[in-house]
Amino acid sequence: MKLPMLSVDEKITEIRRLYYSTTKETIQSDLTRALDLLKSMPSESERERVAVYMDGLAQMRSDWGRDGRRRKKTTRRPKK
């Protein structure tokens, strides 16, 4: 995907918007977009400004991704 030329502040604003508007259905595409924006930031200090939003998006993906993959707990038989 070709990203328009955004200023660093616009990139930060977009990542913040993605964080607050993401849903279970859009988390994967939102996280991909946020990662693209993060990678296009030129300095470490700018990337640090959005770290909390990136961590939050990753946590949401992890939490929502597990819902469909839960396994039924089974009880083990004791050894004889």
C-alpha atoms as a PDB file:
ATOM      1  CA  MET A   1       0.000   0.000   0.000  1.00  0.00           C
ATOM      2  CA  LYS A   2       1.336   3.410  -0.952  1.00  0.00           C
ATOM      3  CA  LEU A   3       1.299   5.802   2.000  1.00  0.00           C
ATOM      4  CA  PRO A   4       0.595   9.471   1.385  1.00  0.00           C
ATOM      5  CA  MET A   5       3.244  11.899   2.571  1.00  0.00           C
ATOM      6  CA  LEU A   6       2.260  12.585   6.155  1.00  0.00           C
ATOM      7  CA  SER A   7       4.064  14.624   8.756  1.00  0.00           C
ATOM      8  CA  VAL A   8       5.206  12.864  11.915  1.00  0.00           C
ATOM      9  CA  ASP A   9       2.369  14.500  13.871  1.00  0.00           C
ATOM     10  CA  GLU A  10      -0.162  13.261  11.301  1.00  0.00           C
ATOM     11  CA  LYS A  11       1.263   9.741  11.572  1.00  0.00           C
ATOM     12  CA  ILE A  12       0.987   9.844  15.359  1.00  0.00           C
ATOM     13  CA  THR A  13      -2.586  11.118  15.094  1.00  0.00           C
ATOM     14  CA  GLU A  14      -3.474   8.333  12.643  1.00  0.00           C
ATOM     15  CA  ILE A  15      -1.998   5.607  14.897  1.00  0.00           C
ATOM     16  CA  ARG A  16      -3.927   7.051  17.847  1.00  0.00           C
ATOM     17  CA  ARG A  17      -7.127   7.082  15.749  1.00  0.00           C
ATOM     18  CA  LEU A  18      -6.561   3.453  14.736  1.00  0.00           C
ATOM     19  CA  TYR A  19      -6.076   2.491  18.384  1.00  0.00           C
ATOM     20  CA  TYR A  20      -9.330   4.076  19.530  1.00  0.00           C
ATOM     21  CA  SER A  21     -11.457   2.959  16.577  1.00  0.00           C
ATOM     22  CA  THR A  22     -10.284  -0.613  16.023  1.00  0.00           C
ATOM     23  CA  THR A  23     -12.712  -3.501  16.382  1.00  0.00           C
ATOM     24  CA  LYS A  24     -12.375  -7.244  16.506  1.00  0.00           C
ATOM     25  CA  GLU A  25     -13.137  -7.342  12.787  1.00  0.00           C
ATOM     26  CA  THR A  26     -10.601  -4.646  11.805  1.00  0.00           C
ATOM     27  CA  ILE A  27      -7.731  -5.302  14.219  1.00  0.00           C
ATOM     28  CA  GLN A  28      -5.468  -7.080  11.725  1.00  0.00           C
ATOM     29  CA  SER A  29      -5.708  -4.416   9.019  1.00  0.00           C
ATOM     30  CA  ASP A  30      -5.495  -1.610  11.604  1.00  0.00           C
ATOM     31  CA  LEU A  31      -2.370  -3.110  13.143  1.00  0.00           C
ATOM     32  CA  THR A  32      -0.796  -3.568   9.712  1.00  0.00           C
ATOM     33  CA  ARG A  33      -1.507   0.076   8.851  1.00  0.00           C
ATOM     34  CA  ALA A  34      -0.123   1.249  12.218  1.00  0.00           C
ATOM     35  CA  LEU A  35       3.056  -0.796  11.683  1.00  0.00           C
ATOM     36  CA  ASP A  36       3.540   0.735   8.236  1.00  0.00           C
ATOM     37  CA  LEU A  37       3.192   4.202   9.744  1.00  0.00           C
ATOM     38  CA  LEU A  38       5.559   3.328  12.596  1.00  0.00           C
ATOM     39  CA  LYS A  39       8.223   2.033  10.194  1.00  0.00           C
ATOM     40  CA  SER A  40       8.047   5.240   8.181  1.00  0.00           C
ATOM     41  CA  MET A  41       8.933   7.401  11.195  1.00  0.00           C
ATOM     42  CA  PRO A  42      12.533   8.585  10.882  1.00  0.00           C
ATOM     43  CA  SER A  43      13.683   8.642  14.514  1.00  0.00           C
ATOM     44  CA  GLU A  44      13.517   6.467  17.597  1.00  0.00           C
ATOM     45  CA  SER A  45      12.144   9.316  19.727  1.00  0.00           C
ATOM     46  CA  GLU A  46       9.190   9.693  17.361  1.00  0.00           C
ATOM     47  CA  ARG A  47       8.503   5.952  17.464  1.00  0.00           C
ATOM     48  CA  GLU A  48       8.613   6.021  21.272  1.00  0.00           C
ATOM     49  CA  ARG A  49       5.746   8.523  21.266  1.00  0.00           C
ATOM     50  CA  VAL A  50       3.383   5.876  19.820  1.00  0.00           C
ATOM     51  CA  ALA A  51       4.751   2.831  21.635  1.00  0.00           C
ATOM     52  CA  VAL A  52       1.827   2.655  24.063  1.00  0.00           C
ATOM     53  CA  TYR A  53      -0.695   2.624  21.180  1.00  0.00           C
ATOM     54  CA  MET A  54       1.270  -0.059  19.335  1.00  0.00           C
ATOM     55  CA  ASP A  55       1.444  -2.195  22.483  1.00  0.00           C
ATOM     56  CA  GLY A  56      -2.292  -1.751  22.953  1.00  0.00           C
ATOM     57  CA  LEU A  57      -3.084  -2.769  19.376  1.00  0.00           C
ATOM     58  CA  ALA A  58      -0.866  -5.851  19.696  1.00  0.00           C
ATOM     59  CA  GLN A  59      -2.577  -6.792  22.967  1.00  0.00           C
ATOM     60  CA  MET A  60      -6.042  -6.400  21.413  1.00  0.00           C
ATOM     61  CA  ARG A  61      -5.026  -8.633  18.504  1.00  0.00           C
ATOM     62  CA  SER A  62      -3.722 -11.207  20.943  1.00  0.00           C
ATOM     63  CA  ASP A  63      -6.831 -11.104  23.129  1.00  0.00           C
ATOM     64  CA  TRP A  64      -9.320 -11.166  20.269  1.00  0.00           C
ATOM     65  CA  GLY A  65      -7.359 -13.800  18.348  1.00  0.00           C
ATOM     66  CA  ARG A  66      -7.530 -16.262  21.218  1.00  0.00           C
ATOM     67  CA  ASP A  67     -11.334 -16.225  21.458  1.00  0.00           C
ATOM     68  CA  GLY A  68     -11.799 -18.515  18.483  1.00  0.00           C
ATOM     69  CA  ARG A  69      -8.928 -20.827  19.341  1.00  0.00           C
ATOM     70  CA  ARG A  70      -9.691 -21.828  22.889  1.00  0.00           C
ATOM     71  CA  ARG A  71      -9.439 -25.518  23.501  1.00  0.00           C
ATOM     72  CA  LYS A  72     -11.696 -27.440  25.759  1.00  0.00           C
ATOM     73  CA  LYS A  73      -9.975 -28.375  28.979  1.00  0.00           C
ATOM     74  CA  THR A  74      -9.661 -32.071  29.595  1.00  0.00           C
ATOM     75  CA  THR A  75      -8.965 -33.747  32.841  1.00  0.00           C
ATOM     76  CA  ARG A  76      -6.013 -36.044  33.035  1.00  0.00           C
ATOM     77  CA  ARG A  77      -6.358 -39.483  34.397  1.00  0.00           C
ATOM     78  CA  PRO A  78      -4.070 -40.180  37.328  1.00  0.00           C
ATOM     79  CA  LYS A  79      -1.218 -42.612  36.684  1.00  0.00           C
ATOM     80  CA  LYS A  80      -1.690 -46.049  38.179  1.00  0.00           C
END
